[in-house]
Every structure is written in structure tokens, then in C-alpha cells.
Amino acid sequence: MTACLCRYFSGPTILCATELEGASTGADRITEYLHLHYAEKVTLNDLAEFTGYNRTYLSTFLKIHTGTSFHEYLTRIRFQHAVHDLTYTSKTLTEVALDNGFPELKLFNSRFRATFRQSPAEYRTQLAPELTAGPDLARSYCDPCSHEIQQILEHWLIAPEG
């Protein structure tokens, strides 16, 4: 089970708002929009309004470029973040569901069970039992859009000459 999760969910993708503006292709713009707005109520109509494409075209476009439907792709993004929260925070299941775009706990539980063959509570207990009674172990991350962080990373990206 853990290998399956690791293979399909590498970790949360953090995107800057400026990255959305610079997206070069329609597929990039669409997927980046969904990665930025996954926690909100996002509909195919919202995406159509954002891109200027009609719903039918968008639906076909997503199927071709992601291999799945709009709703399935959005649900996968939401699960990626929800699995991270279940693993690394002590948020309640309701908080995890609501923070990651699921409108209610019942829907989150049923979709999680259908996808991972266990409930979110079972997943958390199996993978991280110390979170069930321990302190909040939420991690904090640096802002990847920070000028200071970008300067540090640039140092490592420059290949030595010669």
C-alpha cells in the first residue's frame, strides 16, 4: 500500500501565482490552475471560464493530456494533498477533507476507501500511529517563490565550467 501511494503521490506540488501566468501551453495552464485551486469548489464551468474554452472541448482536452476526466484528475490532486496531511499533521479527518476540497467527510471517506481500499482513519493508524495521540507534527516549508531561496538554488544549478 505504501509503495502504491509513493508511486502515485510524490508530495505536494507548490506553485506560485506567477508560475500560472507564465504557463506556456493550454495543458500547463489548466493543470496549474487546478493545482492552485484544488482546495476550492472548482467546476468544469469555472475552468472553461478561466481558459476561454467550452466545456466539451476542455473535457476532451483533459482526457487526452492527463489520461483521465476532469473530476478524476482534480480528485487525484486533492488526494495527493490529503495523504500528505494525514501523514504529517494531526488535523482531524474533517479538517483534512475540508482543507483539501472535499465538501464533507462522508464523501472524502467513501472516495478514499474506493481508491485506497481503506478508510483515511485506517491509513493514518497503519502508517503513522504516533499521530493519533501525539502533538501536532505539521511541517513548515520555505516559500519557493522567495527571492532568497531562488538565489540559494541558483548557486546549485550553475554547472562548473571546464
C-alpha atoms as a PDB file:
ATOM      1  CA  MET A   1       0.000   0.000   0.000  1.00  0.00           C
ATOM      2  CA  THR A   2       2.748   2.465   0.925  1.00  0.00           C
ATOM      3  CA  ALA A   3       4.618   1.712  -2.296  1.00  0.00           C
ATOM      4  CA  CYS A   4       1.431   2.379  -4.244  1.00  0.00           C
ATOM      5  CA  LEU A   5       0.954   5.731  -2.518  1.00  0.00           C
ATOM      6  CA  CYS A   6       4.573   6.747  -3.011  1.00  0.00           C
ATOM      7  CA  ARG A   7       4.467   5.842  -6.686  1.00  0.00           C
ATOM      8  CA  TYR A   8       1.372   7.922  -7.412  1.00  0.00           C
ATOM      9  CA  PHE A   9       1.857  10.766  -4.934  1.00  0.00           C
ATOM     10  CA  SER A  10       5.353  12.155  -4.694  1.00  0.00           C
ATOM     11  CA  GLY A  11       4.457  15.040  -2.387  1.00  0.00           C
ATOM     12  CA  PRO A  12       2.575  18.267  -2.547  1.00  0.00           C
ATOM     13  CA  THR A  13       3.249  20.418  -5.543  1.00  0.00           C
ATOM     14  CA  ILE A  14       3.719  24.032  -4.551  1.00  0.00           C
ATOM     15  CA  LEU A  15       3.075  26.531  -7.303  1.00  0.00           C
ATOM     16  CA  CYS A  16       3.431  30.289  -7.258  1.00  0.00           C
ATOM     17  CA  ALA A  17       0.756  32.528  -8.731  1.00  0.00           C
ATOM     18  CA  THR A  18       3.371  33.923 -11.122  1.00  0.00           C
ATOM     19  CA  GLU A  19       4.006  30.430 -12.469  1.00  0.00           C
ATOM     20  CA  LEU A  20       0.378  30.218 -13.562  1.00  0.00           C
ATOM     21  CA  GLU A  21       0.750  33.409 -15.596  1.00  0.00           C
ATOM     22  CA  GLY A  22       3.867  32.079 -17.323  1.00  0.00           C
ATOM     23  CA  ALA A  23       2.433  28.730 -18.357  1.00  0.00           C
ATOM     24  CA  SER A  24       3.253  28.167 -21.998  1.00  0.00           C
ATOM     25  CA  THR A  25       0.665  25.655 -23.137  1.00  0.00           C
ATOM     26  CA  GLY A  26      -3.023  25.124 -22.586  1.00  0.00           C
ATOM     27  CA  ALA A  27      -2.321  21.900 -20.715  1.00  0.00           C
ATOM     28  CA  ASP A  28       0.134  23.661 -18.395  1.00  0.00           C
ATOM     29  CA  ARG A  29      -2.317  26.464 -17.683  1.00  0.00           C
ATOM     30  CA  ILE A  30      -5.146  24.044 -16.957  1.00  0.00           C
ATOM     31  CA  THR A  31      -3.173  21.723 -14.683  1.00  0.00           C
ATOM     32  CA  GLU A  32      -1.514  24.596 -12.840  1.00  0.00           C
ATOM     33  CA  TYR A  33      -4.899  26.250 -12.292  1.00  0.00           C
ATOM     34  CA  LEU A  34      -6.210  23.013 -10.787  1.00  0.00           C
ATOM     35  CA  HIS A  35      -3.114  22.643  -8.582  1.00  0.00           C
ATOM     36  CA  LEU A  36      -3.616  26.181  -7.283  1.00  0.00           C
ATOM     37  CA  HIS A  37      -7.377  25.893  -6.707  1.00  0.00           C
ATOM     38  CA  TYR A  38      -7.826  22.226  -5.681  1.00  0.00           C
ATOM     39  CA  ALA A  39      -8.984  23.181  -2.174  1.00  0.00           C
ATOM     40  CA  GLU A  40     -11.811  25.299  -3.561  1.00  0.00           C
ATOM     41  CA  LYS A  41     -15.037  24.243  -5.220  1.00  0.00           C
ATOM     42  CA  VAL A  42     -13.826  24.023  -8.822  1.00  0.00           C
ATOM     43  CA  THR A  43     -16.161  23.069 -11.642  1.00  0.00           C
ATOM     44  CA  LEU A  44     -15.630  22.413 -15.308  1.00  0.00           C
ATOM     45  CA  ASN A  45     -17.546  25.660 -15.891  1.00  0.00           C
ATOM     46  CA  ASP A  46     -15.006  27.556 -13.747  1.00  0.00           C
ATOM     47  CA  LEU A  47     -12.176  26.075 -15.763  1.00  0.00           C
ATOM     48  CA  ALA A  48     -13.942  26.889 -19.032  1.00  0.00           C
ATOM     49  CA  GLU A  49     -14.381  30.483 -17.920  1.00  0.00           C
ATOM     50  CA  PHE A  50     -10.705  30.710 -16.908  1.00  0.00           C
ATOM     51  CA  THR A  51      -9.378  29.255 -20.162  1.00  0.00           C
ATOM     52  CA  GLY A  52     -11.958  30.584 -22.592  1.00  0.00           C
ATOM     53  CA  TYR A  53     -12.617  27.073 -23.940  1.00  0.00           C
ATOM     54  CA  ASN A  54     -16.039  25.438 -23.967  1.00  0.00           C
ATOM     55  CA  ARG A  55     -16.797  22.588 -21.549  1.00  0.00           C
ATOM     56  CA  THR A  56     -16.887  19.841 -24.180  1.00  0.00           C
ATOM     57  CA  TYR A  57     -13.533  20.836 -25.640  1.00  0.00           C
ATOM     58  CA  LEU A  58     -11.999  21.111 -22.166  1.00  0.00           C
ATOM     59  CA  SER A  59     -13.294  17.715 -21.133  1.00  0.00           C
ATOM     60  CA  THR A  60     -11.807  16.073 -24.232  1.00  0.00           C
ATOM     61  CA  PHE A  61      -8.583  18.072 -23.903  1.00  0.00           C
ATOM     62  CA  LEU A  62      -8.100  16.932 -20.291  1.00  0.00           C
ATOM     63  CA  LYS A  63      -8.800  13.311 -21.176  1.00  0.00           C
ATOM     64  CA  ILE A  64      -6.133  13.441 -23.896  1.00  0.00           C
ATOM     65  CA  HIS A  65      -3.496  15.306 -21.864  1.00  0.00           C
ATOM     66  CA  THR A  66      -3.993  13.724 -18.435  1.00  0.00           C
ATOM     67  CA  GLY A  67      -5.468  10.359 -19.394  1.00  0.00           C
ATOM     68  CA  THR A  68      -8.417  10.932 -17.100  1.00  0.00           C
ATOM     69  CA  SER A  69     -11.543  13.033 -16.644  1.00  0.00           C
ATOM     70  CA  PHE A  70     -11.675  16.488 -15.090  1.00  0.00           C
ATOM     71  CA  HIS A  71     -13.228  15.201 -11.853  1.00  0.00           C
ATOM     72  CA  GLU A  72     -10.821  12.274 -11.536  1.00  0.00           C
ATOM     73  CA  TYR A  73      -7.789  14.489 -12.136  1.00  0.00           C
ATOM     74  CA  LEU A  74      -8.980  17.038  -9.568  1.00  0.00           C
ATOM     75  CA  THR A  75      -9.701  14.256  -7.067  1.00  0.00           C
ATOM     76  CA  ARG A  76      -6.169  12.881  -7.527  1.00  0.00           C
ATOM     77  CA  ILE A  77      -4.683  16.293  -6.758  1.00  0.00           C
ATOM     78  CA  ARG A  78      -6.898  16.536  -3.683  1.00  0.00           C
ATOM     79  CA  PHE A  79      -5.859  13.063  -2.532  1.00  0.00           C
ATOM     80  CA  GLN A  80      -2.192  13.937  -3.002  1.00  0.00           C
ATOM     81  CA  HIS A  81      -2.572  16.789  -0.517  1.00  0.00           C
ATOM     82  CA  ALA A  82      -4.914  14.860   1.782  1.00  0.00           C
ATOM     83  CA  VAL A  83      -2.463  11.944   2.059  1.00  0.00           C
ATOM     84  CA  HIS A  84       0.258  14.432   2.953  1.00  0.00           C
ATOM     85  CA  ASP A  85      -1.958  15.934   5.672  1.00  0.00           C
ATOM     86  CA  LEU A  86      -2.914  12.508   7.029  1.00  0.00           C
ATOM     87  CA  THR A  87       0.741  11.515   7.185  1.00  0.00           C
ATOM     88  CA  TYR A  88       2.388  14.653   8.511  1.00  0.00           C
ATOM     89  CA  THR A  89      -0.229  16.541  10.553  1.00  0.00           C
ATOM     90  CA  SER A  90      -2.600  15.807  13.381  1.00  0.00           C
ATOM     91  CA  LYS A  91      -5.525  17.528  11.666  1.00  0.00           C
ATOM     92  CA  THR A  92      -8.861  15.854  12.234  1.00  0.00           C
ATOM     93  CA  LEU A  93     -10.283  13.866   9.335  1.00  0.00           C
ATOM     94  CA  THR A  94     -12.903  16.566   8.829  1.00  0.00           C
ATOM     95  CA  GLU A  95     -10.195  19.240   8.634  1.00  0.00           C
ATOM     96  CA  VAL A  96      -8.226  17.151   6.146  1.00  0.00           C
ATOM     97  CA  ALA A  97     -11.320  16.671   3.999  1.00  0.00           C
ATOM     98  CA  LEU A  98     -12.415  20.307   4.036  1.00  0.00           C
ATOM     99  CA  ASP A  99      -8.882  21.725   3.648  1.00  0.00           C
ATOM    100  CA  ASN A 100      -8.382  19.656   0.506  1.00  0.00           C
ATOM    101  CA  GLY A 101     -11.553  20.435  -1.405  1.00  0.00           C
ATOM    102  CA  PHE A 102     -13.882  17.674  -0.260  1.00  0.00           C
ATOM    103  CA  PRO A 103     -17.210  19.258   0.734  1.00  0.00           C
ATOM    104  CA  GLU A 104     -17.935  16.758   3.508  1.00  0.00           C
ATOM    105  CA  LEU A 105     -16.266  13.980   5.476  1.00  0.00           C
ATOM    106  CA  LYS A 106     -18.638  11.264   4.231  1.00  0.00           C
ATOM    107  CA  LEU A 107     -17.679  11.893   0.596  1.00  0.00           C
ATOM    108  CA  PHE A 108     -13.970  12.030   1.490  1.00  0.00           C
ATOM    109  CA  ASN A 109     -14.214   8.721   3.372  1.00  0.00           C
ATOM    110  CA  SER A 110     -16.084   6.909   0.597  1.00  0.00           C
ATOM    111  CA  ARG A 111     -13.780   8.119  -2.192  1.00  0.00           C
ATOM    112  CA  PHE A 112     -10.675   7.421  -0.118  1.00  0.00           C
ATOM    113  CA  ARG A 113     -11.875   3.874   0.598  1.00  0.00           C
ATOM    114  CA  ALA A 114     -12.729   3.292  -3.071  1.00  0.00           C
ATOM    115  CA  THR A 115      -9.280   4.471  -4.140  1.00  0.00           C
ATOM    116  CA  PHE A 116      -7.015   3.066  -1.405  1.00  0.00           C
ATOM    117  CA  ARG A 117      -9.137   0.154  -0.102  1.00  0.00           C
ATOM    118  CA  GLN A 118      -9.055   1.503   3.433  1.00  0.00           C
ATOM    119  CA  SER A 119     -10.524   4.468   5.260  1.00  0.00           C
ATOM    120  CA  PRO A 120      -8.474   7.603   5.960  1.00  0.00           C
ATOM    121  CA  ALA A 121      -8.509   6.700   9.666  1.00  0.00           C
ATOM    122  CA  GLU A 122      -7.170   3.201   8.916  1.00  0.00           C
ATOM    123  CA  TYR A 123      -4.490   4.687   6.669  1.00  0.00           C
ATOM    124  CA  ARG A 124      -3.375   7.114   9.361  1.00  0.00           C
ATOM    125  CA  THR A 125      -3.345   4.430  12.047  1.00  0.00           C
ATOM    126  CA  GLN A 126      -1.410   1.984   9.869  1.00  0.00           C
ATOM    127  CA  LEU A 127       1.150   4.461   8.568  1.00  0.00           C
ATOM    128  CA  ALA A 128       1.616   6.896  11.408  1.00  0.00           C
ATOM    129  CA  PRO A 129       0.272   5.649  14.743  1.00  0.00           C
ATOM    130  CA  GLU A 130       2.243   8.311  16.634  1.00  0.00           C
ATOM    131  CA  LEU A 131      -0.009  10.973  15.116  1.00  0.00           C
ATOM    132  CA  THR A 132      -3.176   9.609  16.694  1.00  0.00           C
ATOM    133  CA  ALA A 133      -2.193  10.731  20.202  1.00  0.00           C
ATOM    134  CA  GLY A 134       0.905  12.842  19.663  1.00  0.00           C
ATOM    135  CA  PRO A 135       1.471  16.565  19.297  1.00  0.00           C
ATOM    136  CA  ASP A 136       0.900  18.457  16.065  1.00  0.00           C
ATOM    137  CA  LEU A 137       3.736  17.426  13.791  1.00  0.00           C
ATOM    138  CA  ALA A 138       2.884  19.766  10.943  1.00  0.00           C
ATOM    139  CA  ARG A 139       5.888  20.777   8.914  1.00  0.00           C
ATOM    140  CA  SER A 140       6.632  24.255   7.767  1.00  0.00           C
ATOM    141  CA  TYR A 141       8.077  24.953   4.362  1.00  0.00           C
ATOM    142  CA  CYS A 142      10.018  27.797   2.841  1.00  0.00           C
ATOM    143  CA  ASP A 143       8.278  29.891   0.234  1.00  0.00           C
ATOM    144  CA  PRO A 144       9.684  28.517  -3.052  1.00  0.00           C
ATOM    145  CA  CYS A 145       8.962  31.876  -4.691  1.00  0.00           C
ATOM    146  CA  SER A 146      11.156  33.738  -2.196  1.00  0.00           C
ATOM    147  CA  HIS A 147      13.990  35.705  -3.795  1.00  0.00           C
ATOM    148  CA  GLU A 148      16.457  34.445  -1.151  1.00  0.00           C
ATOM    149  CA  ILE A 149      15.528  30.811  -1.775  1.00  0.00           C
ATOM    150  CA  GLN A 150      15.825  31.259  -5.534  1.00  0.00           C
ATOM    151  CA  GLN A 151      19.321  32.766  -5.124  1.00  0.00           C
ATOM    152  CA  ILE A 152      20.445  29.829  -2.994  1.00  0.00           C
ATOM    153  CA  LEU A 153      19.057  27.340  -5.503  1.00  0.00           C
ATOM    154  CA  GLU A 154      20.656  29.159  -8.449  1.00  0.00           C
ATOM    155  CA  HIS A 155      24.059  28.587  -6.845  1.00  0.00           C
ATOM    156  CA  TRP A 156      23.484  24.840  -7.029  1.00  0.00           C
ATOM    157  CA  LEU A 157      22.045  24.912 -10.536  1.00  0.00           C
ATOM    158  CA  ILE A 158      25.030  26.582 -12.190  1.00  0.00           C
ATOM    159  CA  ALA A 159      27.246  23.901 -13.701  1.00  0.00           C
ATOM    160  CA  PRO A 160      31.013  24.341 -13.258  1.00  0.00           C
ATOM    161  CA  GLU A 161      32.838  25.430 -16.389  1.00  0.00           C
ATOM    162  CA  GLY A 162      35.540  23.378 -17.917  1.00  0.00           C
END
